[in-house]
Structures are given as C-alpha cells and as structure tokens.
C-alpha cells in the first residue's frame, strides 16, 4: 500500500529576528569546563591562524593543560549566583532589547560555548524567522571577532534548504547614541566619585600583523575613543588609549594596558579611571583582568588607585543605542554615519 503524498504546510517565515552574539564563556569555573571552552576558542583559525599541524600539538600538549587551571581560578573569582557574568549579562541585554523592539524575535548566542550559534539559529528557524539580523556585540570590527561570528552563521546556513533574508551589522563604533552612552557612563562615574587624575580607555588587543593585513580594528578603536573623548569635551593629553589581553609572544597592538599602568604607578600618577569601550558586557577581561589584576599591579607599582568604570551592560542608554543600530540595519530609519 502506498501512502498518499501530503505537501508540507507552508511556513511563510515572515518573522524578523535579531541574533545577538557575544564571545562566549565556559559552562563552569572548573579546569575541565575551561579546557573545553578554550579548545573551541583557540581552534578558531580567525583567532589563531597558525598552521594546524604546528598549532594543534602545542595547544593540546602545552597550552590547554597549563592554562586551563589558571584561567578556571580567574573565572572562579568573578563567578556569580547567575553563573558567568558574560552570559548572564548578555541575556539581560537580550531581554531588554526584546522589550525595546516589540514584534522582533531577539535571541542570544555565544560564538564559543553555549548557547551556540547553530542551536539558536535552528530555534529561530523553527519559530518562523525569515528575516534575520546578526548583531555581534563588538562595537569595533575585527576578523578575529565579528568575522568569526559571520563564519559561524554562514557555516550553519550551508546546511539549510531555505535560507532567511540576511542582515549583518559590521560595527557600531561611531554610532552617536553608543558614543553618548559610554561618555555618560564616565560622567556618572565622575559625578559619584570625583574625576581621577587620568582617564584610560582600554581595548582588547589583536596581533599587529592582523592590522598590517588589513584589519580595521585599530583604526576603529582609535576613532571610537576619540569620539567618546570629544563627547566628554576632552582634548589631546586628557585621555589615553591602550590595548589589553595579549596572548603569546608576537607583538600585539600597543601601548599595552598593563605596561602603561605599571609605568604610571612608578611615576606616582595618582588615581586612574579605566573604561573598556570595546566590551558590551562585563566579563573576565574587565572584572578580573582590569578591576583585579591591573588594579593590584598599579597600586603595587606605586599608584594611588585604579577605578574601573563598568561596561554599559543592560543599561537603558545601551539598550536604546543597540535598538537604534538594529532599526537602521533593518532599514527602519536612515543609516548613521560610520567611519
């Protein structure tokens, strides 16, 4: 007996979705969980572009066994009742953005770890999303971050028979609302605590050769920092830009945050206010590396105090800025100028 053919029900896929993607986090502050996370992260050719036959033995034989326990200890120092600050904070941003964008399906994914980009995209497809905007939570574009998100999205789409209409936000480092939000967070810090002797804007670093190869990240960090300083009414010599979180032995973007702070400590600069505009949500690199490690090193070197200014997180101004970025990318309002 033959079963009659029944056509599949039509799925119009007329829903619009926004996929917020942040870097990622281990599932727990344990060596095993951190090792799984670092293995995925450091296997990405966008992050480490060495030849695999050379890199993989070093990664699995030396780096992961040695670094995983140390990194797990660092994560444990910032872990909260809600789990990873990065994941919990990104989820709060997603929830607030969903409220600001009624009728749009807003979901959160991690480039490395969980929830993964493929799993969230599949859930959005099942929910009938036919128009998808991907918004990496990186104000500045880099091949090692934004392009890696694009890679993950496109790899998943290679498996799909029916693909959605796609939009991809490259960067928003000159978005006026984002610039104002960062500047206002600095003003609020100064209003509550007084103005420090110096203002330092610290961005995540990348290898110098990435920039020589055409990556616009350094130029966008500088342009965004300058826009924030202009919004604050600061001139040259009233703010500084550095790069943090370098890995390995090759030269990364300079000046380095830790070396700069150590030098300022020896010079008895006084109180330094540090903001990290490249991070949308507080995470290991801000809460542990800056607010703990670098703050301690600065005082040990002779400085008075390092005061960390938190990321924008799910603050109303940040959410409003991201909502504006989404609307412009979807063609709801005219595009803002980008450098």
C-alpha atoms as a PDB file:
ATOM      1  CA  UNK A   1       0.000   0.000   0.000  1.00  0.00           C
ATOM      2  CA  UNK A   2       1.285   3.402  -0.975  1.00  0.00           C
ATOM      3  CA  UNK A   3       0.882   6.378   1.314  1.00  0.00           C
ATOM      4  CA  UNK A   4      -0.531   9.407  -0.465  1.00  0.00           C
ATOM      5  CA  UNK A   5       1.863  12.343  -0.758  1.00  0.00           C
ATOM      6  CA  UNK A   6       0.930  15.185   1.541  1.00  0.00           C
ATOM      7  CA  UNK A   7       2.632  18.504   0.857  1.00  0.00           C
ATOM      8  CA  UNK A   8       4.303  20.124   3.824  1.00  0.00           C
ATOM      9  CA  UNK A   9       2.394  23.040   5.323  1.00  0.00           C
ATOM     10  CA  UNK A  10       3.531  26.403   4.079  1.00  0.00           C
ATOM     11  CA  UNK A  11       5.740  28.259   6.548  1.00  0.00           C
ATOM     12  CA  UNK A  12       5.763  31.878   5.451  1.00  0.00           C
ATOM     13  CA  UNK A  13       8.761  32.733   7.631  1.00  0.00           C
ATOM     14  CA  UNK A  14       7.608  36.323   7.895  1.00  0.00           C
ATOM     15  CA  UNK A  15       9.014  36.926  11.378  1.00  0.00           C
ATOM     16  CA  UNK A  16      12.011  39.197  11.866  1.00  0.00           C
ATOM     17  CA  UNK A  17      14.699  38.015  14.249  1.00  0.00           C
ATOM     18  CA  UNK A  18      17.787  39.539  15.841  1.00  0.00           C
ATOM     19  CA  UNK A  19      20.632  37.245  16.839  1.00  0.00           C
ATOM     20  CA  UNK A  20      22.844  38.872  19.480  1.00  0.00           C
ATOM     21  CA  UNK A  21      26.222  37.133  19.585  1.00  0.00           C
ATOM     22  CA  UNK A  22      28.874  37.577  22.243  1.00  0.00           C
ATOM     23  CA  UNK A  23      32.247  35.870  22.556  1.00  0.00           C
ATOM     24  CA  UNK A  24      31.395  33.045  24.929  1.00  0.00           C
ATOM     25  CA  UNK A  25      32.214  31.538  28.294  1.00  0.00           C
ATOM     26  CA  UNK A  26      32.879  28.190  29.922  1.00  0.00           C
ATOM     27  CA  UNK A  27      29.904  26.434  31.473  1.00  0.00           C
ATOM     28  CA  UNK A  28      31.549  26.425  34.890  1.00  0.00           C
ATOM     29  CA  UNK A  29      34.678  27.840  36.564  1.00  0.00           C
ATOM     30  CA  UNK A  30      36.410  24.461  36.543  1.00  0.00           C
ATOM     31  CA  UNK A  31      39.554  23.296  34.709  1.00  0.00           C
ATOM     32  CA  UNK A  32      37.585  20.751  32.662  1.00  0.00           C
ATOM     33  CA  UNK A  33      34.936  23.255  31.538  1.00  0.00           C
ATOM     34  CA  UNK A  34      37.526  25.929  30.823  1.00  0.00           C
ATOM     35  CA  UNK A  35      39.594  23.447  28.819  1.00  0.00           C
ATOM     36  CA  UNK A  36      36.582  22.609  26.612  1.00  0.00           C
ATOM     37  CA  UNK A  37      35.878  26.290  26.095  1.00  0.00           C
ATOM     38  CA  UNK A  38      39.475  27.264  25.344  1.00  0.00           C
ATOM     39  CA  UNK A  39      39.846  24.332  22.950  1.00  0.00           C
ATOM     40  CA  UNK A  40      36.913  25.585  20.869  1.00  0.00           C
ATOM     41  CA  UNK A  41      38.019  29.211  21.082  1.00  0.00           C
ATOM     42  CA  UNK A  42      41.672  28.638  20.247  1.00  0.00           C
ATOM     43  CA  UNK A  43      40.869  26.184  17.444  1.00  0.00           C
ATOM     44  CA  UNK A  44      39.203  29.003  15.509  1.00  0.00           C
ATOM     45  CA  UNK A  45      41.529  29.927  12.651  1.00  0.00           C
ATOM     46  CA  UNK A  46      40.304  33.521  12.906  1.00  0.00           C
ATOM     47  CA  UNK A  47      41.706  33.696  16.434  1.00  0.00           C
ATOM     48  CA  UNK A  48      44.937  31.742  15.925  1.00  0.00           C
ATOM     49  CA  UNK A  49      45.868  31.469  12.261  1.00  0.00           C
ATOM     50  CA  UNK A  50      48.933  29.271  12.617  1.00  0.00           C
ATOM     51  CA  UNK A  51      49.268  26.097  10.561  1.00  0.00           C
ATOM     52  CA  UNK A  52      47.159  23.416  12.220  1.00  0.00           C
ATOM     53  CA  UNK A  53      49.858  20.740  12.230  1.00  0.00           C
ATOM     54  CA  UNK A  54      52.035  23.131  14.228  1.00  0.00           C
ATOM     55  CA  UNK A  55      49.375  24.733  16.421  1.00  0.00           C
ATOM     56  CA  UNK A  56      47.284  21.742  17.493  1.00  0.00           C
ATOM     57  CA  UNK A  57      50.093  19.794  19.245  1.00  0.00           C
ATOM     58  CA  UNK A  58      51.125  22.982  21.074  1.00  0.00           C
ATOM     59  CA  UNK A  59      47.541  23.775  22.007  1.00  0.00           C
ATOM     60  CA  UNK A  60      46.624  20.320  23.305  1.00  0.00           C
ATOM     61  CA  UNK A  61      50.002  19.307  24.645  1.00  0.00           C
ATOM     62  CA  UNK A  62      51.111  22.511  26.365  1.00  0.00           C
ATOM     63  CA  UNK A  63      48.659  25.418  26.417  1.00  0.00           C
ATOM     64  CA  UNK A  64      45.428  23.723  27.480  1.00  0.00           C
ATOM     65  CA  UNK A  65      46.965  21.586  30.261  1.00  0.00           C
ATOM     66  CA  UNK A  66      48.867  24.564  31.694  1.00  0.00           C
ATOM     67  CA  UNK A  67      46.398  27.406  31.188  1.00  0.00           C
ATOM     68  CA  UNK A  68      43.081  25.746  31.979  1.00  0.00           C
ATOM     69  CA  UNK A  69      43.586  25.541  35.780  1.00  0.00           C
ATOM     70  CA  UNK A  70      44.879  29.139  35.907  1.00  0.00           C
ATOM     71  CA  UNK A  71      42.026  30.501  33.811  1.00  0.00           C
ATOM     72  CA  UNK A  72      39.500  28.485  35.840  1.00  0.00           C
ATOM     73  CA  UNK A  73      40.788  30.155  39.000  1.00  0.00           C
ATOM     74  CA  UNK A  74      40.345  33.559  37.366  1.00  0.00           C
ATOM     75  CA  UNK A  75      36.782  32.698  36.344  1.00  0.00           C
ATOM     76  CA  UNK A  76      36.020  31.472  39.870  1.00  0.00           C
ATOM     77  CA  UNK A  77      36.947  34.907  41.237  1.00  0.00           C
ATOM     78  CA  UNK A  78      34.167  36.598  39.211  1.00  0.00           C
ATOM     79  CA  UNK A  79      31.542  33.804  39.001  1.00  0.00           C
ATOM     80  CA  UNK A  80      28.133  34.799  40.342  1.00  0.00           C
ATOM     81  CA  UNK A  81      24.961  33.143  41.568  1.00  0.00           C
ATOM     82  CA  UNK A  82      23.671  33.607  37.995  1.00  0.00           C
ATOM     83  CA  UNK A  83      26.752  31.903  36.577  1.00  0.00           C
ATOM     84  CA  UNK A  84      29.093  33.523  34.088  1.00  0.00           C
ATOM     85  CA  UNK A  85      28.842  37.344  34.182  1.00  0.00           C
ATOM     86  CA  UNK A  86      29.241  37.468  30.406  1.00  0.00           C
ATOM     87  CA  UNK A  87      26.393  35.058  29.682  1.00  0.00           C
ATOM     88  CA  UNK A  88      24.078  36.401  32.371  1.00  0.00           C
ATOM     89  CA  UNK A  89      24.740  39.978  31.326  1.00  0.00           C
ATOM     90  CA  UNK A  90      24.269  39.254  27.633  1.00  0.00           C
ATOM     91  CA  UNK A  91      20.952  37.539  28.372  1.00  0.00           C
ATOM     92  CA  UNK A  92      19.818  40.651  30.250  1.00  0.00           C
ATOM     93  CA  UNK A  93      20.778  42.804  27.276  1.00  0.00           C
ATOM     94  CA  UNK A  94      18.812  40.469  25.008  1.00  0.00           C
ATOM     95  CA  UNK A  95      15.728  40.601  27.222  1.00  0.00           C
ATOM     96  CA  UNK A  96      15.843  44.394  27.430  1.00  0.00           C
ATOM     97  CA  UNK A  97      16.372  44.704  23.672  1.00  0.00           C
ATOM     98  CA  UNK A  98      13.376  42.449  23.046  1.00  0.00           C
ATOM     99  CA  UNK A  99      11.247  44.839  25.101  1.00  0.00           C
ATOM    100  CA  UNK A 100      12.574  47.780  23.103  1.00  0.00           C
ATOM    101  CA  UNK A 101      11.823  46.033  19.795  1.00  0.00           C
ATOM    102  CA  UNK A 102       8.273  44.655  20.066  1.00  0.00           C
ATOM    103  CA  UNK A 103       7.376  42.180  17.362  1.00  0.00           C
ATOM    104  CA  UNK A 104      11.007  41.174  16.762  1.00  0.00           C
ATOM    105  CA  UNK A 105      12.333  37.814  17.923  1.00  0.00           C
ATOM    106  CA  UNK A 106      15.527  38.674  19.845  1.00  0.00           C
ATOM    107  CA  UNK A 107      17.760  35.814  20.932  1.00  0.00           C
ATOM    108  CA  UNK A 108      21.250  35.445  22.398  1.00  0.00           C
ATOM    109  CA  UNK A 109      24.057  33.109  21.316  1.00  0.00           C
ATOM    110  CA  UNK A 110      27.702  32.621  22.197  1.00  0.00           C
ATOM    111  CA  UNK A 111      30.317  32.273  19.485  1.00  0.00           C
ATOM    112  CA  UNK A 112      32.086  29.687  21.658  1.00  0.00           C
ATOM    113  CA  UNK A 113      30.282  27.611  24.251  1.00  0.00           C
ATOM    114  CA  UNK A 114      26.556  27.631  24.945  1.00  0.00           C
ATOM    115  CA  UNK A 115      24.040  28.559  23.716  1.00  0.00           C
ATOM    116  CA  UNK A 116      25.765  28.008  20.393  1.00  0.00           C
ATOM    117  CA  UNK A 117      25.120  29.969  17.224  1.00  0.00           C
ATOM    118  CA  UNK A 118      23.811  26.904  15.300  1.00  0.00           C
ATOM    119  CA  UNK A 119      21.399  25.833  18.062  1.00  0.00           C
ATOM    120  CA  UNK A 120      19.887  29.308  18.439  1.00  0.00           C
ATOM    121  CA  UNK A 121      19.618  29.799  14.673  1.00  0.00           C
ATOM    122  CA  UNK A 122      17.796  26.473  14.350  1.00  0.00           C
ATOM    123  CA  UNK A 123      15.349  27.515  17.082  1.00  0.00           C
ATOM    124  CA  UNK A 124      14.713  30.799  15.279  1.00  0.00           C
ATOM    125  CA  UNK A 125      14.091  28.948  12.022  1.00  0.00           C
ATOM    126  CA  UNK A 126      11.610  26.672  13.763  1.00  0.00           C
ATOM    127  CA  UNK A 127       9.887  29.764  15.152  1.00  0.00           C
ATOM    128  CA  UNK A 128       9.358  31.060  11.612  1.00  0.00           C
ATOM    129  CA  UNK A 129      12.060  33.729  11.404  1.00  0.00           C
ATOM    130  CA  UNK A 130      12.555  34.538   7.736  1.00  0.00           C
ATOM    131  CA  UNK A 131      14.413  37.826   8.118  1.00  0.00           C
ATOM    132  CA  UNK A 132      17.486  37.604  10.328  1.00  0.00           C
ATOM    133  CA  UNK A 133      19.759  40.364  11.584  1.00  0.00           C
ATOM    134  CA  UNK A 134      23.029  39.224  13.175  1.00  0.00           C
ATOM    135  CA  UNK A 135      24.414  41.718  15.685  1.00  0.00           C
ATOM    136  CA  UNK A 136      27.823  40.784  17.137  1.00  0.00           C
ATOM    137  CA  UNK A 137      28.225  42.641  20.433  1.00  0.00           C
ATOM    138  CA  UNK A 138      31.543  44.099  19.296  1.00  0.00           C
ATOM    139  CA  UNK A 139      31.403  47.852  18.589  1.00  0.00           C
ATOM    140  CA  UNK A 140      34.607  47.571  16.537  1.00  0.00           C
ATOM    141  CA  UNK A 141      35.035  45.119  13.667  1.00  0.00           C
ATOM    142  CA  UNK A 142      37.861  42.600  13.681  1.00  0.00           C
ATOM    143  CA  UNK A 143      38.357  39.438  11.681  1.00  0.00           C
ATOM    144  CA  UNK A 144      39.044  37.653  14.977  1.00  0.00           C
ATOM    145  CA  UNK A 145      35.629  38.569  16.409  1.00  0.00           C
ATOM    146  CA  UNK A 146      32.984  39.906  14.025  1.00  0.00           C
ATOM    147  CA  UNK A 147      34.179  37.901  11.031  1.00  0.00           C
ATOM    148  CA  UNK A 148      34.295  34.765  13.163  1.00  0.00           C
ATOM    149  CA  UNK A 149      30.615  35.276  14.012  1.00  0.00           C
ATOM    150  CA  UNK A 150      29.882  35.662  10.302  1.00  0.00           C
ATOM    151  CA  UNK A 151      31.759  32.407   9.636  1.00  0.00           C
ATOM    152  CA  UNK A 152      29.680  30.539  12.224  1.00  0.00           C
ATOM    153  CA  UNK A 153      26.413  31.876  10.840  1.00  0.00           C
ATOM    154  CA  UNK A 154      27.288  31.065   7.246  1.00  0.00           C
ATOM    155  CA  UNK A 155      28.523  27.573   8.117  1.00  0.00           C
ATOM    156  CA  UNK A 156      25.158  26.860   9.676  1.00  0.00           C
ATOM    157  CA  UNK A 157      23.303  28.284   6.670  1.00  0.00           C
ATOM    158  CA  UNK A 158      25.207  25.939   4.341  1.00  0.00           C
ATOM    159  CA  UNK A 159      23.038  23.162   5.783  1.00  0.00           C
ATOM    160  CA  UNK A 160      19.709  24.949   5.239  1.00  0.00           C
ATOM    161  CA  UNK A 161      17.475  24.349   2.244  1.00  0.00           C
ATOM    162  CA  UNK A 162      15.520  27.544   2.841  1.00  0.00           C
ATOM    163  CA  UNK A 163      17.615  30.473   3.959  1.00  0.00           C
ATOM    164  CA  UNK A 164      16.383  33.665   5.587  1.00  0.00           C
ATOM    165  CA  UNK A 165      16.890  37.181   4.321  1.00  0.00           C
ATOM    166  CA  UNK A 166      20.166  38.123   5.998  1.00  0.00           C
ATOM    167  CA  UNK A 167      21.495  41.338   7.505  1.00  0.00           C
ATOM    168  CA  UNK A 168      24.823  41.607   9.318  1.00  0.00           C
ATOM    169  CA  UNK A 169      26.000  44.519  11.461  1.00  0.00           C
ATOM    170  CA  UNK A 170      29.701  45.068  10.827  1.00  0.00           C
ATOM    171  CA  UNK A 171      30.362  47.587  13.606  1.00  0.00           C
ATOM    172  CA  UNK A 172      28.846  50.498  15.518  1.00  0.00           C
ATOM    173  CA  UNK A 173      31.893  52.243  16.959  1.00  0.00           C
ATOM    174  CA  UNK A 174      30.818  55.669  15.705  1.00  0.00           C
ATOM    175  CA  UNK A 175      27.108  55.330  16.430  1.00  0.00           C
ATOM    176  CA  UNK A 176      26.186  58.622  18.157  1.00  0.00           C
ATOM    177  CA  UNK A 177      23.887  57.009  20.734  1.00  0.00           C
ATOM    178  CA  UNK A 178      26.526  54.417  21.653  1.00  0.00           C
ATOM    179  CA  UNK A 179      29.209  57.105  21.945  1.00  0.00           C
ATOM    180  CA  UNK A 180      26.929  59.167  24.203  1.00  0.00           C
ATOM    181  CA  UNK A 181      26.110  56.141  26.328  1.00  0.00           C
ATOM    182  CA  UNK A 182      29.792  55.429  27.014  1.00  0.00           C
ATOM    183  CA  UNK A 183      30.526  59.103  27.669  1.00  0.00           C
ATOM    184  CA  UNK A 184      27.533  59.366  30.021  1.00  0.00           C
ATOM    185  CA  UNK A 185      28.744  56.319  31.972  1.00  0.00           C
ATOM    186  CA  UNK A 186      32.066  58.099  32.511  1.00  0.00           C
ATOM    187  CA  UNK A 187      30.284  61.313  33.540  1.00  0.00           C
ATOM    188  CA  UNK A 188      28.153  59.368  36.014  1.00  0.00           C
ATOM    189  CA  UNK A 189      31.283  57.789  37.498  1.00  0.00           C
ATOM    190  CA  UNK A 190      32.908  61.192  37.874  1.00  0.00           C
ATOM    191  CA  UNK A 191      29.757  62.684  39.402  1.00  0.00           C
ATOM    192  CA  UNK A 192      29.618  59.929  42.011  1.00  0.00           C
ATOM    193  CA  UNK A 193      33.334  59.544  42.754  1.00  0.00           C
ATOM    194  CA  UNK A 194      35.101  62.657  41.548  1.00  0.00           C
ATOM    195  CA  UNK A 195      37.334  62.801  38.497  1.00  0.00           C
ATOM    196  CA  UNK A 196      40.534  60.781  38.582  1.00  0.00           C
ATOM    197  CA  UNK A 197      43.924  62.096  37.577  1.00  0.00           C
ATOM    198  CA  UNK A 198      43.830  60.250  34.258  1.00  0.00           C
ATOM    199  CA  UNK A 199      41.232  58.559  32.039  1.00  0.00           C
ATOM    200  CA  UNK A 200      42.341  55.396  30.286  1.00  0.00           C
ATOM    201  CA  UNK A 201      40.327  53.691  27.547  1.00  0.00           C
ATOM    202  CA  UNK A 202      41.457  50.055  27.316  1.00  0.00           C
ATOM    203  CA  UNK A 203      40.512  47.894  24.322  1.00  0.00           C
ATOM    204  CA  UNK A 204      41.124  44.206  23.701  1.00  0.00           C
ATOM    205  CA  UNK A 205      44.274  43.738  21.655  1.00  0.00           C
ATOM    206  CA  UNK A 206      44.996  41.785  18.485  1.00  0.00           C
ATOM    207  CA  UNK A 207      48.334  40.877  16.856  1.00  0.00           C
ATOM    208  CA  UNK A 208      49.926  43.748  14.958  1.00  0.00           C
ATOM    209  CA  UNK A 209      50.187  41.629  11.820  1.00  0.00           C
ATOM    210  CA  UNK A 210      46.376  41.391  11.685  1.00  0.00           C
ATOM    211  CA  UNK A 211      46.264  45.166  11.232  1.00  0.00           C
ATOM    212  CA  UNK A 212      49.099  45.079   8.699  1.00  0.00           C
ATOM    213  CA  UNK A 213      46.997  42.539   6.811  1.00  0.00           C
ATOM    214  CA  UNK A 214      44.088  44.979   6.535  1.00  0.00           C
ATOM    215  CA  UNK A 215      42.068  44.514   9.745  1.00  0.00           C
ATOM    216  CA  UNK A 216      40.378  47.888  10.545  1.00  0.00           C
ATOM    217  CA  UNK A 217      40.168  47.183  14.284  1.00  0.00           C
ATOM    218  CA  UNK A 218      42.895  49.546  15.479  1.00  0.00           C
ATOM    219  CA  UNK A 219      41.585  52.450  13.416  1.00  0.00           C
ATOM    220  CA  UNK A 220      38.051  51.851  14.684  1.00  0.00           C
ATOM    221  CA  UNK A 221      39.208  51.693  18.321  1.00  0.00           C
ATOM    222  CA  UNK A 222      41.006  54.990  17.864  1.00  0.00           C
ATOM    223  CA  UNK A 223      38.054  56.595  16.082  1.00  0.00           C
ATOM    224  CA  UNK A 224      35.561  55.425  18.726  1.00  0.00           C
ATOM    225  CA  UNK A 225      37.779  56.522  21.609  1.00  0.00           C
ATOM    226  CA  UNK A 226      38.277  59.922  20.002  1.00  0.00           C
ATOM    227  CA  UNK A 227      34.521  60.297  19.545  1.00  0.00           C
ATOM    228  CA  UNK A 228      33.946  59.452  23.227  1.00  0.00           C
ATOM    229  CA  UNK A 229      36.614  61.959  24.274  1.00  0.00           C
ATOM    230  CA  UNK A 230      35.045  64.622  22.059  1.00  0.00           C
ATOM    231  CA  UNK A 231      31.635  63.937  23.583  1.00  0.00           C
ATOM    232  CA  UNK A 232      33.244  64.448  27.013  1.00  0.00           C
ATOM    233  CA  UNK A 233      34.898  67.667  25.874  1.00  0.00           C
ATOM    234  CA  UNK A 234      38.389  66.231  26.380  1.00  0.00           C
ATOM    235  CA  UNK A 235      41.361  67.325  24.327  1.00  0.00           C
ATOM    236  CA  UNK A 236      44.630  65.602  23.476  1.00  0.00           C
ATOM    237  CA  UNK A 237      46.587  64.720  26.594  1.00  0.00           C
ATOM    238  CA  UNK A 238      43.427  64.398  28.700  1.00  0.00           C
ATOM    239  CA  UNK A 239      42.764  60.749  27.823  1.00  0.00           C
ATOM    240  CA  UNK A 240      44.798  57.709  26.831  1.00  0.00           C
ATOM    241  CA  UNK A 241      44.135  54.594  24.745  1.00  0.00           C
ATOM    242  CA  UNK A 242      45.777  51.197  25.380  1.00  0.00           C
ATOM    243  CA  UNK A 243      45.292  47.542  24.453  1.00  0.00           C
ATOM    244  CA  UNK A 244      44.912  44.617  26.856  1.00  0.00           C
ATOM    245  CA  UNK A 245      44.621  40.804  26.930  1.00  0.00           C
ATOM    246  CA  UNK A 246      47.532  39.903  24.675  1.00  0.00           C
ATOM    247  CA  UNK A 247      48.384  36.229  24.242  1.00  0.00           C
ATOM    248  CA  UNK A 248      51.574  34.596  23.035  1.00  0.00           C
ATOM    249  CA  UNK A 249      54.949  36.120  22.228  1.00  0.00           C
ATOM    250  CA  UNK A 250      54.386  38.023  18.992  1.00  0.00           C
ATOM    251  CA  UNK A 251      53.833  41.825  19.107  1.00  0.00           C
ATOM    252  CA  UNK A 252      50.239  42.924  19.670  1.00  0.00           C
ATOM    253  CA  UNK A 253      48.734  46.387  19.360  1.00  0.00           C
ATOM    254  CA  UNK A 254      50.427  48.898  21.617  1.00  0.00           C
ATOM    255  CA  UNK A 255      50.656  50.624  24.014  1.00  0.00           C
ATOM    256  CA  UNK A 256      49.864  47.723  26.340  1.00  0.00           C
ATOM    257  CA  UNK A 257      47.425  48.415  29.185  1.00  0.00           C
ATOM    258  CA  UNK A 258      49.378  46.593  31.889  1.00  0.00           C
ATOM    259  CA  UNK A 259      52.736  48.117  30.951  1.00  0.00           C
ATOM    260  CA  UNK A 260      51.215  51.596  30.788  1.00  0.00           C
ATOM    261  CA  UNK A 261      49.653  51.254  34.234  1.00  0.00           C
ATOM    262  CA  UNK A 262      52.874  49.920  35.729  1.00  0.00           C
ATOM    263  CA  UNK A 263      54.749  52.913  34.313  1.00  0.00           C
ATOM    264  CA  UNK A 264      52.128  55.325  35.643  1.00  0.00           C
ATOM    265  CA  UNK A 265      52.383  53.655  39.029  1.00  0.00           C
ATOM    266  CA  UNK A 266      56.139  54.225  39.108  1.00  0.00           C
ATOM    267  CA  UNK A 267      55.511  57.842  38.130  1.00  0.00           C
ATOM    268  CA  UNK A 268      53.053  58.234  41.056  1.00  0.00           C
ATOM    269  CA  UNK A 269      50.294  59.402  38.721  1.00  0.00           C
ATOM    270  CA  UNK A 270      47.576  59.064  41.376  1.00  0.00           C
ATOM    271  CA  UNK A 271      44.047  57.881  40.641  1.00  0.00           C
ATOM    272  CA  UNK A 272      43.337  56.365  37.230  1.00  0.00           C
ATOM    273  CA  UNK A 273      39.825  55.831  35.863  1.00  0.00           C
ATOM    274  CA  UNK A 274      39.652  52.945  33.361  1.00  0.00           C
ATOM    275  CA  UNK A 275      36.811  52.271  30.922  1.00  0.00           C
ATOM    276  CA  UNK A 276      36.697  49.426  28.378  1.00  0.00           C
ATOM    277  CA  UNK A 277      34.531  50.637  25.462  1.00  0.00           C
ATOM    278  CA  UNK A 278      35.145  47.567  23.319  1.00  0.00           C
ATOM    279  CA  UNK A 279      33.269  45.289  25.720  1.00  0.00           C
ATOM    280  CA  UNK A 280      29.468  45.455  25.676  1.00  0.00           C
ATOM    281  CA  UNK A 281      29.065  43.381  28.846  1.00  0.00           C
ATOM    282  CA  UNK A 282      31.346  42.889  31.829  1.00  0.00           C
ATOM    283  CA  UNK A 283      33.375  39.698  31.622  1.00  0.00           C
ATOM    284  CA  UNK A 284      36.668  38.079  32.612  1.00  0.00           C
ATOM    285  CA  UNK A 285      38.721  40.708  30.762  1.00  0.00           C
ATOM    286  CA  UNK A 286      37.081  43.603  32.592  1.00  0.00           C
ATOM    287  CA  UNK A 287      36.166  42.226  36.023  1.00  0.00           C
ATOM    288  CA  UNK A 288      39.251  40.101  36.626  1.00  0.00           C
ATOM    289  CA  UNK A 289      41.968  41.396  34.298  1.00  0.00           C
ATOM    290  CA  UNK A 290      41.321  45.136  34.733  1.00  0.00           C
ATOM    291  CA  UNK A 291      39.445  45.550  38.030  1.00  0.00           C
ATOM    292  CA  UNK A 292      41.510  42.918  39.887  1.00  0.00           C
ATOM    293  CA  UNK A 293      44.862  42.150  38.211  1.00  0.00           C
ATOM    294  CA  UNK A 294      45.699  45.547  36.772  1.00  0.00           C
ATOM    295  CA  UNK A 295      44.283  47.443  39.741  1.00  0.00           C
ATOM    296  CA  UNK A 296      46.538  45.455  42.059  1.00  0.00           C
ATOM    297  CA  UNK A 297      49.590  45.827  39.797  1.00  0.00           C
ATOM    298  CA  UNK A 298      49.047  49.586  39.517  1.00  0.00           C
ATOM    299  CA  UNK A 299      48.972  50.082  43.277  1.00  0.00           C
ATOM    300  CA  UNK A 300      51.926  47.725  43.738  1.00  0.00           C
ATOM    301  CA  UNK A 301      53.897  49.859  41.277  1.00  0.00           C
ATOM    302  CA  UNK A 302      53.201  52.986  43.322  1.00  0.00           C
ATOM    303  CA  UNK A 303      49.884  54.326  42.005  1.00  0.00           C
ATOM    304  CA  UNK A 304      47.135  55.522  44.335  1.00  0.00           C
ATOM    305  CA  UNK A 305      44.109  53.694  42.940  1.00  0.00           C
ATOM    306  CA  UNK A 306      42.648  52.243  39.753  1.00  0.00           C
ATOM    307  CA  UNK A 307      38.897  52.751  39.479  1.00  0.00           C
ATOM    308  CA  UNK A 308      37.145  50.602  36.909  1.00  0.00           C
ATOM    309  CA  UNK A 309      34.079  52.062  35.165  1.00  0.00           C
ATOM    310  CA  UNK A 310      31.676  49.183  34.360  1.00  0.00           C
ATOM    311  CA  UNK A 311      30.583  48.258  30.855  1.00  0.00           C
ATOM    312  CA  UNK A 312      27.262  49.555  29.560  1.00  0.00           C
ATOM    313  CA  UNK A 313      25.703  46.132  30.201  1.00  0.00           C
ATOM    314  CA  UNK A 314      21.876  46.285  30.112  1.00  0.00           C
ATOM    315  CA  UNK A 315      21.672  49.974  30.974  1.00  0.00           C
ATOM    316  CA  UNK A 316      18.808  51.861  29.268  1.00  0.00           C
ATOM    317  CA  UNK A 317      21.132  54.033  27.170  1.00  0.00           C
ATOM    318  CA  UNK A 318      22.992  50.983  25.867  1.00  0.00           C
ATOM    319  CA  UNK A 319      19.801  49.133  25.016  1.00  0.00           C
ATOM    320  CA  UNK A 320      18.408  52.213  23.264  1.00  0.00           C
ATOM    321  CA  UNK A 321      21.621  52.546  21.245  1.00  0.00           C
ATOM    322  CA  UNK A 322      21.517  48.895  20.185  1.00  0.00           C
ATOM    323  CA  UNK A 323      17.831  49.225  19.272  1.00  0.00           C
ATOM    324  CA  UNK A 324      18.765  52.147  17.042  1.00  0.00           C
ATOM    325  CA  UNK A 325      21.519  50.096  15.404  1.00  0.00           C
ATOM    326  CA  UNK A 326      19.004  47.310  14.723  1.00  0.00           C
ATOM    327  CA  UNK A 327      16.387  49.657  13.276  1.00  0.00           C
ATOM    328  CA  UNK A 328      18.872  51.291  10.923  1.00  0.00           C
ATOM    329  CA  UNK A 329      20.282  47.951   9.809  1.00  0.00           C
ATOM    330  CA  UNK A 330      16.771  46.744   9.016  1.00  0.00           C
ATOM    331  CA  UNK A 331      16.019  49.931   7.115  1.00  0.00           C
ATOM    332  CA  UNK A 332      13.501  51.290   9.601  1.00  0.00           C
ATOM    333  CA  UNK A 333      15.317  54.628   9.907  1.00  0.00           C
ATOM    334  CA  UNK A 334      18.145  56.213   7.852  1.00  0.00           C
ATOM    335  CA  UNK A 335      21.648  54.857   8.386  1.00  0.00           C
ATOM    336  CA  UNK A 336      24.002  56.554  10.801  1.00  0.00           C
ATOM    337  CA  UNK A 337      27.404  57.576   9.577  1.00  0.00           C
ATOM    338  CA  UNK A 338      30.242  55.141  10.125  1.00  0.00           C
ATOM    339  CA  UNK A 339      33.943  55.871   9.906  1.00  0.00           C
END
